[in-house]
Amino acid sequence: MSGQIPLKYQKLMARVSDKNNNSKAEAIKAFCLQCVDYKFKRVRYCSASNCALFHVRPYQSKTTD
């Protein structure tokens, strides 16, 4: 990982690090983006099925059953 947060995601990361923010969705999005070096397409096509957040990760394609 590069260690640098892209400008596009800096506001999200600031909101997540705020102690008064209780948004689980934003926390999950931030975690997943950090995990894949801030590449949202990598989040969408993530293959880490053993991750606890795999089924709730953002940017998934909507499927109908």
N, C-alpha and C. Protein backbone atom coordinates (compact mmCIF):
# COMPACT_ATOMS: atom_id res chain seq x y z
N MET A 1 0.83 -1.19 0.00
CA MET A 1 0.00 0.00 0.00
C MET A 1 0.87 1.25 0.00
N SER A 2 0.33 2.27 -0.60
CA SER A 2 1.12 3.48 -0.75
C SER A 2 1.20 4.30 0.54
N GLY A 3 0.21 4.22 1.40
CA GLY A 3 0.21 4.99 2.63
C GLY A 3 -0.37 6.38 2.46
N GLN A 4 -0.58 6.82 1.24
CA GLN A 4 -1.17 8.12 0.97
C GLN A 4 -2.64 7.93 0.59
N ILE A 5 -3.48 8.74 1.19
CA ILE A 5 -4.91 8.69 0.88
C ILE A 5 -5.17 9.60 -0.32
N PRO A 6 -5.74 9.06 -1.39
CA PRO A 6 -6.05 9.90 -2.55
C PRO A 6 -7.02 11.03 -2.16
N LEU A 7 -6.89 12.15 -2.82
CA LEU A 7 -7.72 13.30 -2.55
C LEU A 7 -9.21 12.94 -2.60
N LYS A 8 -9.57 12.08 -3.51
CA LYS A 8 -10.97 11.66 -3.68
C LYS A 8 -11.56 11.06 -2.41
N TYR A 9 -10.74 10.42 -1.58
CA TYR A 9 -11.23 9.72 -0.39
C TYR A 9 -10.84 10.37 0.92
N GLN A 10 -10.18 11.51 0.89
CA GLN A 10 -9.73 12.15 2.13
C GLN A 10 -10.89 12.58 3.02
N LYS A 11 -11.97 13.10 2.44
CA LYS A 11 -13.12 13.52 3.25
C LYS A 11 -13.78 12.31 3.92
N LEU A 12 -13.89 11.21 3.18
CA LEU A 12 -14.47 9.99 3.74
C LEU A 12 -13.64 9.52 4.92
N MET A 13 -12.33 9.48 4.76
CA MET A 13 -11.46 9.00 5.84
C MET A 13 -11.51 9.93 7.05
N ALA A 14 -11.65 11.23 6.81
CA ALA A 14 -11.77 12.19 7.92
C ALA A 14 -13.07 11.97 8.67
N ARG A 15 -14.17 11.73 7.93
CA ARG A 15 -15.46 11.46 8.59
C ARG A 15 -15.41 10.18 9.42
N VAL A 16 -14.78 9.16 8.88
CA VAL A 16 -14.70 7.88 9.58
C VAL A 16 -13.85 7.99 10.84
N SER A 17 -12.81 8.79 10.80
CA SER A 17 -11.94 8.92 11.97
C SER A 17 -12.54 9.84 13.04
N ASP A 18 -13.61 10.55 12.72
CA ASP A 18 -14.29 11.40 13.69
C ASP A 18 -15.01 10.52 14.71
N LYS A 19 -14.76 10.74 15.99
CA LYS A 19 -15.34 9.91 17.04
C LYS A 19 -16.86 10.03 17.14
N ASN A 20 -17.43 11.10 16.61
CA ASN A 20 -18.88 11.30 16.66
C ASN A 20 -19.60 10.66 15.48
N ASN A 21 -18.87 10.10 14.55
CA ASN A 21 -19.47 9.46 13.38
C ASN A 21 -19.81 8.01 13.72
N ASN A 22 -21.07 7.65 13.53
CA ASN A 22 -21.50 6.28 13.82
C ASN A 22 -21.94 5.54 12.56
N SER A 23 -21.49 5.98 11.40
CA SER A 23 -21.91 5.37 10.15
C SER A 23 -21.15 4.07 9.89
N LYS A 24 -21.86 2.96 10.00
CA LYS A 24 -21.24 1.66 9.72
C LYS A 24 -20.91 1.53 8.24
N ALA A 25 -21.78 2.06 7.39
CA ALA A 25 -21.56 1.96 5.94
C ALA A 25 -20.28 2.68 5.54
N GLU A 26 -20.07 3.86 6.08
CA GLU A 26 -18.86 4.60 5.75
C GLU A 26 -17.62 3.91 6.31
N ALA A 27 -17.73 3.33 7.48
CA ALA A 27 -16.60 2.61 8.07
C ALA A 27 -16.22 1.39 7.22
N ILE A 28 -17.23 0.68 6.74
CA ILE A 28 -16.97 -0.49 5.90
C ILE A 28 -16.35 -0.06 4.58
N LYS A 29 -16.88 1.00 3.98
CA LYS A 29 -16.34 1.51 2.72
C LYS A 29 -14.88 1.92 2.89
N ALA A 30 -14.59 2.62 3.97
CA ALA A 30 -13.21 3.07 4.23
C ALA A 30 -12.29 1.88 4.44
N PHE A 31 -12.73 0.89 5.20
CA PHE A 31 -11.91 -0.29 5.46
C PHE A 31 -11.59 -1.01 4.16
N CYS A 32 -12.61 -1.24 3.34
CA CYS A 32 -12.41 -1.97 2.09
C CYS A 32 -11.50 -1.19 1.14
N LEU A 33 -11.71 0.11 1.03
CA LEU A 33 -10.86 0.92 0.15
C LEU A 33 -9.41 0.89 0.61
N GLN A 34 -9.21 0.98 1.91
CA GLN A 34 -7.85 0.93 2.45
C GLN A 34 -7.20 -0.42 2.14
N CYS A 35 -7.98 -1.47 2.26
CA CYS A 35 -7.47 -2.83 2.05
C CYS A 35 -6.92 -3.03 0.63
N VAL A 36 -7.56 -2.39 -0.35
CA VAL A 36 -7.17 -2.59 -1.75
C VAL A 36 -6.50 -1.35 -2.34
N ASP A 37 -5.86 -0.57 -1.48
CA ASP A 37 -5.08 0.61 -1.91
C ASP A 37 -5.94 1.63 -2.66
N TYR A 38 -7.17 1.82 -2.19
CA TYR A 38 -8.08 2.85 -2.68
C TYR A 38 -8.47 2.68 -4.15
N LYS A 39 -8.59 1.46 -4.60
CA LYS A 39 -9.05 1.17 -5.97
C LYS A 39 -10.44 0.56 -5.87
N PHE A 40 -11.48 1.38 -6.17
CA PHE A 40 -12.84 0.91 -5.94
C PHE A 40 -13.20 -0.31 -6.79
N LYS A 41 -12.61 -0.45 -7.96
CA LYS A 41 -12.90 -1.64 -8.78
C LYS A 41 -12.37 -2.90 -8.11
N ARG A 42 -11.28 -2.78 -7.38
CA ARG A 42 -10.75 -3.94 -6.64
C ARG A 42 -11.70 -4.33 -5.51
N VAL A 43 -12.39 -3.35 -4.93
CA VAL A 43 -13.38 -3.66 -3.90
C VAL A 43 -14.53 -4.44 -4.53
N ARG A 44 -14.99 -3.97 -5.69
CA ARG A 44 -16.10 -4.62 -6.38
C ARG A 44 -15.78 -6.07 -6.70
N TYR A 45 -14.58 -6.33 -7.17
CA TYR A 45 -14.20 -7.68 -7.59
C TYR A 45 -13.32 -8.39 -6.56
N CYS A 46 -13.45 -8.00 -5.31
CA CYS A 46 -12.68 -8.59 -4.23
C CYS A 46 -12.89 -10.11 -4.17
N SER A 47 -11.82 -10.83 -3.97
CA SER A 47 -11.90 -12.29 -3.90
C SER A 47 -11.62 -12.83 -2.50
N ALA A 48 -11.52 -11.94 -1.52
CA ALA A 48 -11.23 -12.36 -0.15
C ALA A 48 -12.51 -12.82 0.54
N SER A 49 -13.04 -13.94 0.10
CA SER A 49 -14.31 -14.42 0.62
C SER A 49 -14.24 -14.81 2.10
N ASN A 50 -13.05 -14.94 2.65
CA ASN A 50 -12.92 -15.25 4.08
C ASN A 50 -12.98 -13.99 4.95
N CYS A 51 -13.05 -12.82 4.33
CA CYS A 51 -13.15 -11.55 5.06
C CYS A 51 -14.55 -11.43 5.65
N ALA A 52 -14.64 -10.94 6.87
CA ALA A 52 -15.93 -10.78 7.53
C ALA A 52 -16.82 -9.76 6.83
N LEU A 53 -16.23 -8.86 6.07
CA LEU A 53 -17.00 -7.81 5.39
C LEU A 53 -17.28 -8.13 3.92
N PHE A 54 -16.90 -9.30 3.48
CA PHE A 54 -17.01 -9.65 2.05
C PHE A 54 -18.43 -9.46 1.52
N HIS A 55 -19.43 -9.91 2.24
CA HIS A 55 -20.81 -9.85 1.75
C HIS A 55 -21.47 -8.49 1.90
N VAL A 56 -20.84 -7.60 2.64
CA VAL A 56 -21.41 -6.26 2.82
C VAL A 56 -20.52 -5.18 2.22
N ARG A 57 -19.52 -5.57 1.44
CA ARG A 57 -18.59 -4.59 0.87
C ARG A 57 -19.32 -3.69 -0.11
N PRO A 58 -18.85 -2.45 -0.25
CA PRO A 58 -19.48 -1.51 -1.17
C PRO A 58 -19.11 -1.83 -2.63
N TYR A 59 -19.80 -1.16 -3.54
CA TYR A 59 -19.54 -1.23 -4.97
C TYR A 59 -19.85 -2.58 -5.59
N GLN A 60 -20.63 -3.42 -4.93
CA GLN A 60 -21.02 -4.69 -5.51
C GLN A 60 -22.08 -4.46 -6.57
N SER A 61 -22.12 -5.33 -7.53
CA SER A 61 -23.19 -5.28 -8.52
C SER A 61 -24.47 -5.76 -7.85
N LYS A 62 -25.56 -5.09 -8.13
CA LYS A 62 -26.84 -5.50 -7.56
C LYS A 62 -27.35 -6.70 -8.32
N THR A 63 -27.68 -7.77 -7.58
CA THR A 63 -28.23 -8.97 -8.21
C THR A 63 -29.61 -9.22 -7.65
N THR A 64 -30.47 -9.77 -8.47
CA THR A 64 -31.82 -10.11 -8.03
C THR A 64 -31.97 -11.62 -8.04
N ASP A 65 -32.59 -12.12 -7.01
CA ASP A 65 -32.78 -13.57 -6.89
C ASP A 65 -34.16 -13.97 -7.36
